[in-house]
Amino acid sequence: MNKKKNHINLPTILTLIRIIFTVPLFVLIFFDNLPAKILTLCFFVAASVTDFVDGYLARKNKQVTDLGAFLDPLADKMLVNLTFLALTYQNLVPIWLFAIIIVRDFMVDGVRMMEAKKDITLAASKTGKAKTMVQMITLSLILLNKIIGSEIFANINFALLIIVLVLTVISGLEYLVKGWKSIIK
């Protein structure tokens, strides 16, 4: 796929909206009243939807840009990791799980930087994309459960967090293997 240099287009604007939505979401998530909980969920779901829409539009309309390729994973990490951070602080996500997610993200960024020095761009793997999707679904359901307070949802959310853990580890290992192969060449 041929990337344009730094053209601002609709997919890139949607990515910027995701970044912007992260700010009020991160503030609202700490309020314990019903309107704030509902707004937090709305901001998170809207931001998550932009992730799927911007990628779809960029590929469909051949509007993949260097700027979009840089901003998209950054926006995803801001949205997901800040939400995980807040929910960890609120004891809704185990701290050890959040630590594994952060370590994986730093490791992947390191591998990507090493490859970028060689003018190689590592595209997101299918497992990495699945991880992000499951993270966003899981976080949406945890935020929903902050509103409804269901024990059944809490159990479902815990099971989803285990799936997030598995996908996080597998996708991290995939990047490590890609990076290692590049190092030993």
N, C-alpha and C. Protein backbone atom coordinates (compact mmCIF):
# COMPACT_ATOMS: atom_id res chain seq x y z
N MET A 1 0.85 -1.17 0.00
CA MET A 1 0.00 0.00 0.00
C MET A 1 0.89 1.23 0.00
N ASN A 2 0.64 2.14 -0.88
CA ASN A 2 1.43 3.34 -1.01
C ASN A 2 0.93 4.40 -0.04
N LYS A 3 1.80 4.86 0.86
CA LYS A 3 1.40 5.86 1.84
C LYS A 3 1.71 7.24 1.31
N LYS A 4 0.78 8.17 1.56
CA LYS A 4 1.04 9.57 1.27
C LYS A 4 1.82 10.12 2.45
N LYS A 5 2.55 11.18 2.24
CA LYS A 5 3.43 11.69 3.29
C LYS A 5 2.66 12.14 4.54
N ASN A 6 2.12 13.30 4.60
CA ASN A 6 1.47 13.78 5.82
C ASN A 6 0.20 14.54 5.50
N HIS A 7 -0.66 13.91 4.78
CA HIS A 7 -1.91 14.51 4.35
C HIS A 7 -2.98 14.32 5.43
N ILE A 8 -3.61 15.43 5.83
CA ILE A 8 -4.72 15.33 6.79
C ILE A 8 -5.97 14.95 6.00
N ASN A 9 -6.59 13.86 6.41
CA ASN A 9 -7.80 13.38 5.74
C ASN A 9 -8.79 12.92 6.81
N LEU A 10 -9.94 12.43 6.38
CA LEU A 10 -10.97 12.02 7.33
C LEU A 10 -10.48 10.94 8.31
N PRO A 11 -9.79 9.88 7.85
CA PRO A 11 -9.30 8.90 8.83
C PRO A 11 -8.37 9.52 9.88
N THR A 12 -7.51 10.44 9.47
CA THR A 12 -6.60 11.08 10.42
C THR A 12 -7.37 11.98 11.38
N ILE A 13 -8.39 12.66 10.88
CA ILE A 13 -9.23 13.49 11.75
C ILE A 13 -9.94 12.62 12.78
N LEU A 14 -10.42 11.45 12.38
CA LEU A 14 -11.07 10.53 13.33
C LEU A 14 -10.08 10.06 14.39
N THR A 15 -8.85 9.83 13.99
CA THR A 15 -7.81 9.44 14.95
C THR A 15 -7.57 10.58 15.94
N LEU A 16 -7.52 11.81 15.46
CA LEU A 16 -7.34 12.97 16.34
C LEU A 16 -8.52 13.12 17.30
N ILE A 17 -9.72 12.82 16.82
CA ILE A 17 -10.91 12.86 17.69
C ILE A 17 -10.75 11.84 18.81
N ARG A 18 -10.22 10.65 18.49
CA ARG A 18 -10.00 9.62 19.51
C ARG A 18 -9.05 10.15 20.59
N ILE A 19 -8.01 10.82 20.17
CA ILE A 19 -7.06 11.40 21.13
C ILE A 19 -7.76 12.45 21.99
N ILE A 20 -8.53 13.31 21.37
CA ILE A 20 -9.24 14.37 22.10
C ILE A 20 -10.24 13.78 23.09
N PHE A 21 -10.99 12.76 22.68
CA PHE A 21 -11.99 12.13 23.56
C PHE A 21 -11.36 11.49 24.80
N THR A 22 -10.09 11.13 24.70
CA THR A 22 -9.41 10.50 25.82
C THR A 22 -9.31 11.44 27.02
N VAL A 23 -9.17 12.72 26.78
CA VAL A 23 -8.99 13.69 27.87
C VAL A 23 -10.24 13.77 28.76
N PRO A 24 -11.44 14.10 28.22
CA PRO A 24 -12.60 14.15 29.12
C PRO A 24 -12.94 12.78 29.72
N LEU A 25 -12.70 11.73 28.95
CA LEU A 25 -12.94 10.38 29.46
C LEU A 25 -12.11 10.14 30.71
N PHE A 26 -10.81 10.49 30.64
CA PHE A 26 -9.91 10.24 31.77
C PHE A 26 -10.30 11.08 32.99
N VAL A 27 -10.87 12.25 32.78
CA VAL A 27 -11.33 13.07 33.91
C VAL A 27 -12.63 12.49 34.47
N LEU A 28 -13.58 12.22 33.60
CA LEU A 28 -14.91 11.76 34.03
C LEU A 28 -14.88 10.40 34.73
N ILE A 29 -13.94 9.55 34.35
CA ILE A 29 -13.91 8.18 34.87
C ILE A 29 -13.74 8.15 36.40
N PHE A 30 -13.21 9.23 36.96
CA PHE A 30 -12.98 9.27 38.41
C PHE A 30 -14.18 9.79 39.20
N PHE A 31 -15.20 10.28 38.50
CA PHE A 31 -16.41 10.76 39.19
C PHE A 31 -17.34 9.58 39.43
N ASP A 32 -17.98 9.57 40.58
CA ASP A 32 -18.78 8.42 40.98
C ASP A 32 -20.29 8.67 40.88
N ASN A 33 -20.69 9.59 40.01
CA ASN A 33 -22.13 9.82 39.85
C ASN A 33 -22.59 9.25 38.51
N LEU A 34 -23.88 8.96 38.43
CA LEU A 34 -24.43 8.29 37.25
C LEU A 34 -24.20 9.05 35.94
N PRO A 35 -24.45 10.38 35.89
CA PRO A 35 -24.19 11.08 34.61
C PRO A 35 -22.74 10.97 34.15
N ALA A 36 -21.79 11.07 35.09
CA ALA A 36 -20.37 10.96 34.73
C ALA A 36 -20.04 9.56 34.22
N LYS A 37 -20.61 8.54 34.87
CA LYS A 37 -20.38 7.16 34.44
C LYS A 37 -20.93 6.93 33.03
N ILE A 38 -22.10 7.47 32.76
CA ILE A 38 -22.71 7.33 31.43
C ILE A 38 -21.88 8.07 30.38
N LEU A 39 -21.46 9.29 30.71
CA LEU A 39 -20.63 10.06 29.77
C LEU A 39 -19.29 9.37 29.51
N THR A 40 -18.70 8.81 30.56
CA THR A 40 -17.44 8.09 30.39
C THR A 40 -17.61 6.94 29.40
N LEU A 41 -18.66 6.16 29.59
CA LEU A 41 -18.93 5.05 28.68
C LEU A 41 -19.16 5.56 27.26
N CYS A 42 -19.92 6.64 27.13
CA CYS A 42 -20.19 7.20 25.78
C CYS A 42 -18.91 7.67 25.10
N PHE A 43 -18.06 8.39 25.84
CA PHE A 43 -16.79 8.83 25.26
C PHE A 43 -15.93 7.64 24.85
N PHE A 44 -15.88 6.62 25.71
CA PHE A 44 -15.04 5.47 25.40
C PHE A 44 -15.55 4.72 24.17
N VAL A 45 -16.85 4.47 24.12
CA VAL A 45 -17.42 3.75 22.97
C VAL A 45 -17.24 4.56 21.69
N ALA A 46 -17.51 5.86 21.75
CA ALA A 46 -17.35 6.71 20.56
C ALA A 46 -15.89 6.70 20.10
N ALA A 47 -14.97 6.82 21.03
CA ALA A 47 -13.55 6.80 20.67
C ALA A 47 -13.16 5.45 20.09
N SER A 48 -13.67 4.37 20.66
CA SER A 48 -13.36 3.03 20.16
C SER A 48 -13.89 2.84 18.74
N VAL A 49 -15.07 3.35 18.49
CA VAL A 49 -15.65 3.23 17.14
C VAL A 49 -14.78 3.96 16.12
N THR A 50 -14.21 5.11 16.51
CA THR A 50 -13.35 5.82 15.55
C THR A 50 -12.16 4.97 15.15
N ASP A 51 -11.69 4.10 16.05
CA ASP A 51 -10.55 3.24 15.72
C ASP A 51 -10.88 2.31 14.57
N PHE A 52 -12.06 1.74 14.60
CA PHE A 52 -12.46 0.82 13.53
C PHE A 52 -12.79 1.57 12.24
N VAL A 53 -13.45 2.72 12.39
CA VAL A 53 -13.88 3.48 11.21
C VAL A 53 -12.68 4.11 10.50
N ASP A 54 -11.73 4.68 11.25
CA ASP A 54 -10.61 5.34 10.58
C ASP A 54 -9.76 4.36 9.78
N GLY A 55 -9.52 3.19 10.34
CA GLY A 55 -8.75 2.18 9.61
C GLY A 55 -9.46 1.69 8.37
N TYR A 56 -10.76 1.45 8.52
CA TYR A 56 -11.56 1.00 7.38
C TYR A 56 -11.54 2.04 6.26
N LEU A 57 -11.79 3.31 6.61
CA LEU A 57 -11.83 4.36 5.59
C LEU A 57 -10.46 4.58 4.94
N ALA A 58 -9.40 4.52 5.75
CA ALA A 58 -8.06 4.73 5.19
C ALA A 58 -7.73 3.67 4.15
N ARG A 59 -8.06 2.41 4.47
CA ARG A 59 -7.77 1.33 3.51
C ARG A 59 -8.71 1.39 2.31
N LYS A 60 -10.00 1.57 2.57
CA LYS A 60 -11.00 1.56 1.49
C LYS A 60 -10.75 2.69 0.49
N ASN A 61 -10.44 3.87 1.01
CA ASN A 61 -10.27 5.03 0.14
C ASN A 61 -8.82 5.31 -0.22
N LYS A 62 -7.95 4.34 0.13
CA LYS A 62 -6.51 4.49 -0.15
C LYS A 62 -5.99 5.82 0.40
N GLN A 63 -6.31 6.07 1.67
CA GLN A 63 -5.90 7.31 2.32
C GLN A 63 -4.96 7.03 3.50
N VAL A 64 -4.15 5.99 3.38
CA VAL A 64 -3.18 5.67 4.42
C VAL A 64 -2.04 6.69 4.30
N THR A 65 -1.73 7.35 5.42
CA THR A 65 -0.66 8.36 5.42
C THR A 65 0.36 8.01 6.50
N ASP A 66 1.54 8.59 6.38
CA ASP A 66 2.56 8.42 7.41
C ASP A 66 2.05 8.99 8.74
N LEU A 67 1.40 10.14 8.69
CA LEU A 67 0.87 10.76 9.90
C LEU A 67 -0.18 9.86 10.56
N GLY A 68 -1.08 9.33 9.77
CA GLY A 68 -2.10 8.43 10.30
C GLY A 68 -1.50 7.16 10.87
N ALA A 69 -0.49 6.62 10.18
CA ALA A 69 0.18 5.40 10.66
C ALA A 69 0.90 5.65 11.98
N PHE A 70 1.36 6.88 12.20
CA PHE A 70 2.00 7.24 13.47
C PHE A 70 0.96 7.48 14.56
N LEU A 71 -0.08 8.26 14.23
CA LEU A 71 -1.07 8.67 15.24
C LEU A 71 -2.00 7.55 15.68
N ASP A 72 -2.36 6.64 14.78
CA ASP A 72 -3.35 5.61 15.11
C ASP A 72 -2.93 4.73 16.29
N PRO A 73 -1.74 4.12 16.27
CA PRO A 73 -1.38 3.31 17.44
C PRO A 73 -1.18 4.16 18.70
N LEU A 74 -0.73 5.40 18.53
CA LEU A 74 -0.58 6.31 19.68
C LEU A 74 -1.95 6.58 20.31
N ALA A 75 -2.93 6.87 19.46
CA ALA A 75 -4.29 7.14 19.95
C ALA A 75 -4.87 5.91 20.65
N ASP A 76 -4.64 4.73 20.07
CA ASP A 76 -5.12 3.49 20.70
C ASP A 76 -4.52 3.31 22.08
N LYS A 77 -3.20 3.50 22.17
CA LYS A 77 -2.52 3.30 23.45
C LYS A 77 -2.96 4.32 24.48
N MET A 78 -3.15 5.56 24.05
CA MET A 78 -3.63 6.58 24.98
C MET A 78 -5.01 6.20 25.52
N LEU A 79 -5.91 5.86 24.63
CA LEU A 79 -7.28 5.53 25.02
C LEU A 79 -7.31 4.31 25.93
N VAL A 80 -6.71 3.24 25.49
CA VAL A 80 -6.79 1.97 26.22
C VAL A 80 -5.97 2.03 27.51
N ASN A 81 -4.73 2.50 27.44
CA ASN A 81 -3.87 2.45 28.62
C ASN A 81 -4.30 3.44 29.71
N LEU A 82 -4.78 4.62 29.32
CA LEU A 82 -5.27 5.54 30.34
C LEU A 82 -6.54 5.02 30.99
N THR A 83 -7.39 4.35 30.21
CA THR A 83 -8.59 3.75 30.78
C THR A 83 -8.22 2.60 31.71
N PHE A 84 -7.29 1.74 31.27
CA PHE A 84 -6.81 0.66 32.14
C PHE A 84 -6.19 1.24 33.42
N LEU A 85 -5.41 2.30 33.30
CA LEU A 85 -4.79 2.93 34.46
C LEU A 85 -5.85 3.38 35.47
N ALA A 86 -6.86 4.08 34.99
CA ALA A 86 -7.92 4.56 35.88
C ALA A 86 -8.67 3.41 36.53
N LEU A 87 -8.97 2.38 35.75
CA LEU A 87 -9.72 1.24 36.29
C LEU A 87 -8.85 0.41 37.24
N THR A 88 -7.55 0.40 37.02
CA THR A 88 -6.64 -0.26 37.96
C THR A 88 -6.63 0.51 39.28
N TYR A 89 -6.57 1.83 39.20
CA TYR A 89 -6.61 2.68 40.39
C TYR A 89 -7.91 2.43 41.18
N GLN A 90 -8.99 2.16 40.46
CA GLN A 90 -10.28 1.92 41.10
C GLN A 90 -10.48 0.44 41.49
N ASN A 91 -9.43 -0.35 41.38
CA ASN A 91 -9.45 -1.78 41.71
C ASN A 91 -10.44 -2.59 40.88
N LEU A 92 -10.67 -2.17 39.64
CA LEU A 92 -11.53 -2.91 38.73
C LEU A 92 -10.73 -3.75 37.74
N VAL A 93 -9.43 -3.49 37.69
CA VAL A 93 -8.49 -4.26 36.86
C VAL A 93 -7.29 -4.56 37.75
N PRO A 94 -6.84 -5.82 37.76
CA PRO A 94 -5.67 -6.16 38.59
C PRO A 94 -4.42 -5.40 38.13
N ILE A 95 -3.65 -4.91 39.10
CA ILE A 95 -2.46 -4.13 38.77
C ILE A 95 -1.45 -4.95 37.98
N TRP A 96 -1.33 -6.25 38.27
CA TRP A 96 -0.37 -7.10 37.56
C TRP A 96 -0.74 -7.20 36.07
N LEU A 97 -2.04 -7.21 35.78
CA LEU A 97 -2.47 -7.26 34.37
C LEU A 97 -2.12 -5.97 33.65
N PHE A 98 -2.39 -4.84 34.32
CA PHE A 98 -2.04 -3.55 33.73
C PHE A 98 -0.53 -3.46 33.51
N ALA A 99 0.26 -3.97 34.45
CA ALA A 99 1.72 -3.94 34.31
C ALA A 99 2.16 -4.75 33.08
N ILE A 100 1.56 -5.91 32.87
CA ILE A 100 1.91 -6.74 31.70
C ILE A 100 1.57 -6.01 30.41
N ILE A 101 0.43 -5.35 30.38
CA ILE A 101 0.02 -4.60 29.18
C ILE A 101 1.01 -3.48 28.88
N ILE A 102 1.41 -2.74 29.91
CA ILE A 102 2.34 -1.62 29.73
C ILE A 102 3.72 -2.13 29.28
N VAL A 103 4.21 -3.18 29.92
CA VAL A 103 5.52 -3.73 29.55
C VAL A 103 5.48 -4.20 28.09
N ARG A 104 4.42 -4.87 27.70
CA ARG A 104 4.28 -5.33 26.31
C ARG A 104 4.31 -4.14 25.35
N ASP A 105 3.58 -3.08 25.70
CA ASP A 105 3.53 -1.91 24.81
C ASP A 105 4.90 -1.26 24.67
N PHE A 106 5.64 -1.12 25.78
CA PHE A 106 7.00 -0.56 25.69
C PHE A 106 7.91 -1.45 24.85
N MET A 107 7.78 -2.76 25.02
CA MET A 107 8.60 -3.69 24.27
C MET A 107 8.29 -3.59 22.77
N VAL A 108 7.01 -3.54 22.43
CA VAL A 108 6.62 -3.43 21.02
C VAL A 108 7.12 -2.11 20.44
N ASP A 109 7.00 -1.03 21.20
CA ASP A 109 7.50 0.26 20.73
C ASP A 109 9.01 0.21 20.49
N GLY A 110 9.72 -0.49 21.37
CA GLY A 110 11.17 -0.64 21.18
C GLY A 110 11.50 -1.39 19.91
N VAL A 111 10.80 -2.48 19.67
CA VAL A 111 11.02 -3.26 18.45
C VAL A 111 10.70 -2.40 17.23
N ARG A 112 9.60 -1.67 17.29
CA ARG A 112 9.23 -0.81 16.15
C ARG A 112 10.28 0.27 15.90
N MET A 113 10.84 0.84 16.97
CA MET A 113 11.87 1.86 16.80
C MET A 113 13.13 1.27 16.18
N MET A 114 13.51 0.06 16.61
CA MET A 114 14.67 -0.59 16.01
C MET A 114 14.45 -0.82 14.52
N GLU A 115 13.27 -1.26 14.17
CA GLU A 115 12.96 -1.51 12.76
C GLU A 115 12.89 -0.20 11.97
N ALA A 116 12.36 0.84 12.60
CA ALA A 116 12.25 2.14 11.92
C ALA A 116 13.63 2.68 11.56
N LYS A 117 14.64 2.40 12.39
CA LYS A 117 16.00 2.83 12.08
C LYS A 117 16.49 2.20 10.78
N LYS A 118 15.92 1.06 10.43
CA LYS A 118 16.29 0.36 9.20
C LYS A 118 15.28 0.65 8.08
N ASP A 119 14.44 1.67 8.30
CA ASP A 119 13.38 2.02 7.35
C ASP A 119 12.39 0.88 7.13
N ILE A 120 12.15 0.10 8.17
CA ILE A 120 11.18 -0.99 8.11
C ILE A 120 10.01 -0.62 9.02
N THR A 121 8.82 -0.69 8.47
CA THR A 121 7.62 -0.43 9.26
C THR A 121 6.96 -1.74 9.60
N LEU A 122 6.79 -2.00 10.89
CA LEU A 122 6.12 -3.23 11.32
C LEU A 122 4.62 -2.94 11.43
N ALA A 123 3.86 -3.58 10.59
CA ALA A 123 2.41 -3.44 10.66
C ALA A 123 1.89 -4.22 11.86
N ALA A 124 0.75 -3.80 12.34
CA ALA A 124 0.12 -4.52 13.46
C ALA A 124 -0.24 -5.93 13.00
N SER A 125 0.02 -6.89 13.89
CA SER A 125 -0.31 -8.28 13.57
C SER A 125 -1.81 -8.49 13.78
N LYS A 126 -2.30 -9.60 13.24
CA LYS A 126 -3.72 -9.93 13.45
C LYS A 126 -3.99 -10.14 14.93
N THR A 127 -3.03 -10.75 15.64
CA THR A 127 -3.20 -10.95 17.08
C THR A 127 -3.21 -9.61 17.80
N GLY A 128 -2.35 -8.69 17.38
CA GLY A 128 -2.33 -7.36 17.98
C GLY A 128 -3.63 -6.61 17.75
N LYS A 129 -4.18 -6.75 16.55
CA LYS A 129 -5.46 -6.10 16.27
C LYS A 129 -6.58 -6.75 17.09
N ALA A 130 -6.54 -8.06 17.22
CA ALA A 130 -7.54 -8.76 18.04
C ALA A 130 -7.42 -8.32 19.50
N LYS A 131 -6.18 -8.17 19.97
CA LYS A 131 -5.94 -7.72 21.34
C LYS A 131 -6.59 -6.37 21.58
N THR A 132 -6.37 -5.44 20.66
CA THR A 132 -6.94 -4.10 20.82
C THR A 132 -8.46 -4.16 20.81
N MET A 133 -9.04 -4.95 19.91
CA MET A 133 -10.49 -5.07 19.84
C MET A 133 -11.05 -5.66 21.14
N VAL A 134 -10.43 -6.72 21.64
CA VAL A 134 -10.92 -7.35 22.88
C VAL A 134 -10.71 -6.40 24.06
N GLN A 135 -9.61 -5.65 24.07
CA GLN A 135 -9.39 -4.66 25.12
C GLN A 135 -10.53 -3.63 25.12
N MET A 136 -10.86 -3.13 23.95
CA MET A 136 -11.90 -2.09 23.86
C MET A 136 -13.27 -2.63 24.26
N ILE A 137 -13.57 -3.85 23.86
CA ILE A 137 -14.85 -4.46 24.26
C ILE A 137 -14.86 -4.67 25.77
N THR A 138 -13.78 -5.20 26.31
CA THR A 138 -13.69 -5.47 27.74
C THR A 138 -13.82 -4.17 28.54
N LEU A 139 -13.08 -3.15 28.14
CA LEU A 139 -13.16 -1.88 28.85
C LEU A 139 -14.55 -1.27 28.77
N SER A 140 -15.20 -1.40 27.62
CA SER A 140 -16.58 -0.91 27.48
C SER A 140 -17.50 -1.62 28.47
N LEU A 141 -17.34 -2.93 28.59
CA LEU A 141 -18.19 -3.70 29.50
C LEU A 141 -17.89 -3.39 30.96
N ILE A 142 -16.63 -3.14 31.29
CA ILE A 142 -16.29 -2.75 32.66
C ILE A 142 -16.91 -1.39 32.98
N LEU A 143 -16.83 -0.46 32.03
CA LEU A 143 -17.45 0.86 32.23
C LEU A 143 -18.97 0.74 32.33
N LEU A 144 -19.55 -0.15 31.54
CA LEU A 144 -20.99 -0.39 31.63
C LEU A 144 -21.34 -0.95 33.00
N ASN A 145 -20.52 -1.85 33.49
CA ASN A 145 -20.80 -2.46 34.79
C ASN A 145 -20.65 -1.46 35.94
N LYS A 146 -19.85 -0.41 35.73
CA LYS A 146 -19.80 0.65 36.75
C LYS A 146 -21.18 1.32 36.88
N ILE A 147 -21.96 1.26 35.80
CA ILE A 147 -23.29 1.86 35.81
C ILE A 147 -24.31 0.90 36.40
N ILE A 148 -24.28 -0.37 35.97
CA ILE A 148 -25.34 -1.30 36.37
C ILE A 148 -24.98 -2.15 37.59
N GLY A 149 -23.70 -2.35 37.86
CA GLY A 149 -23.27 -3.07 39.05
C GLY A 149 -23.73 -4.51 39.14
N SER A 150 -23.53 -5.28 38.08
CA SER A 150 -23.97 -6.66 38.05
C SER A 150 -22.81 -7.62 38.37
N GLU A 151 -23.05 -8.57 39.26
CA GLU A 151 -22.06 -9.58 39.59
C GLU A 151 -21.78 -10.48 38.38
N ILE A 152 -22.81 -10.74 37.59
CA ILE A 152 -22.64 -11.56 36.37
C ILE A 152 -21.70 -10.85 35.40
N PHE A 153 -21.90 -9.54 35.21
CA PHE A 153 -21.01 -8.77 34.34
C PHE A 153 -19.59 -8.76 34.89
N ALA A 154 -19.45 -8.67 36.20
CA ALA A 154 -18.11 -8.67 36.80
C ALA A 154 -17.39 -9.98 36.46
N ASN A 155 -18.10 -11.10 36.51
CA ASN A 155 -17.50 -12.39 36.16
C ASN A 155 -17.15 -12.47 34.68
N ILE A 156 -18.03 -11.97 33.84
CA ILE A 156 -17.77 -11.94 32.39
C ILE A 156 -16.55 -11.06 32.12
N ASN A 157 -16.49 -9.91 32.78
CA ASN A 157 -15.36 -8.99 32.59
C ASN A 157 -14.05 -9.63 33.02
N PHE A 158 -14.07 -10.40 34.12
CA PHE A 158 -12.84 -11.08 34.54
C PHE A 158 -12.39 -12.09 33.48
N ALA A 159 -13.35 -12.84 32.93
CA ALA A 159 -13.00 -13.80 31.87
C ALA A 159 -12.43 -13.07 30.65
N LEU A 160 -13.00 -11.94 30.30
CA LEU A 160 -12.49 -11.16 29.18
C LEU A 160 -11.09 -10.62 29.48
N LEU A 161 -10.84 -10.24 30.72
CA LEU A 161 -9.50 -9.77 31.09
C LEU A 161 -8.46 -10.87 30.93
N ILE A 162 -8.85 -12.11 31.18
CA ILE A 162 -7.93 -13.24 30.96
C ILE A 162 -7.64 -13.39 29.46
N ILE A 163 -8.66 -13.21 28.63
CA ILE A 163 -8.45 -13.26 27.17
C ILE A 163 -7.53 -12.12 26.75
N VAL A 164 -7.74 -10.93 27.32
CA VAL A 164 -6.85 -9.80 27.04
C VAL A 164 -5.42 -10.16 27.40
N LEU A 165 -5.23 -10.78 28.56
CA LEU A 165 -3.90 -11.19 29.00
C LEU A 165 -3.25 -12.13 27.99
N VAL A 166 -3.98 -13.14 27.55
CA VAL A 166 -3.45 -14.13 26.60
C VAL A 166 -3.07 -13.44 25.29
N LEU A 167 -3.96 -12.61 24.76
CA LEU A 167 -3.67 -11.92 23.49
C LEU A 167 -2.51 -10.94 23.65
N THR A 168 -2.41 -10.30 24.81
CA THR A 168 -1.30 -9.37 25.07
C THR A 168 0.03 -10.11 25.03
N VAL A 169 0.09 -11.24 25.69
CA VAL A 169 1.33 -12.01 25.74
C VAL A 169 1.67 -12.56 24.36
N ILE A 170 0.70 -13.14 23.68
CA ILE A 170 0.96 -13.73 22.35
C ILE A 170 1.41 -12.66 21.36
N SER A 171 0.70 -11.54 21.31
CA SER A 171 1.08 -10.50 20.34
C SER A 171 2.44 -9.90 20.71
N GLY A 172 2.73 -9.78 22.00
CA GLY A 172 4.05 -9.30 22.41
C GLY A 172 5.15 -10.24 21.97
N LEU A 173 4.92 -11.54 22.12
CA LEU A 173 5.91 -12.53 21.68
C LEU A 173 6.10 -12.48 20.16
N GLU A 174 5.02 -12.25 19.43
CA GLU A 174 5.13 -12.13 17.96
C GLU A 174 6.08 -10.99 17.59
N TYR A 175 5.93 -9.84 18.26
CA TYR A 175 6.81 -8.71 17.97
C TYR A 175 8.25 -9.01 18.38
N LEU A 176 8.42 -9.69 19.51
CA LEU A 176 9.77 -10.06 19.94
C LEU A 176 10.45 -10.96 18.90
N VAL A 177 9.71 -11.92 18.37
CA VAL A 177 10.26 -12.82 17.35
C VAL A 177 10.63 -12.03 16.10
N LYS A 178 9.73 -11.13 15.67
CA LYS A 178 10.04 -10.30 14.49
C LYS A 178 11.30 -9.46 14.75
N GLY A 179 11.38 -8.85 15.92
CA GLY A 179 12.53 -8.03 16.26
C GLY A 179 13.80 -8.84 16.36
N TRP A 180 13.72 -10.02 16.96
CA TRP A 180 14.90 -10.88 17.12
C TRP A 180 15.42 -11.31 15.76
N LYS A 181 14.51 -11.69 14.87
CA LYS A 181 14.93 -12.09 13.52
C LYS A 181 15.68 -10.95 12.83
N SER A 182 15.22 -9.73 13.07
CA SER A 182 15.87 -8.58 12.45
C SER A 182 17.24 -8.32 13.07
N ILE A 183 17.37 -8.53 14.38
CA ILE A 183 18.64 -8.30 15.07
C ILE A 183 19.71 -9.26 14.59
N ILE A 184 19.35 -10.53 14.43
CA ILE A 184 20.37 -11.54 14.08
C ILE A 184 20.69 -11.59 12.59
N LYS A 185 19.99 -10.82 11.79
CA LYS A 185 20.29 -10.80 10.35
C LYS A 185 21.57 -10.06 10.07
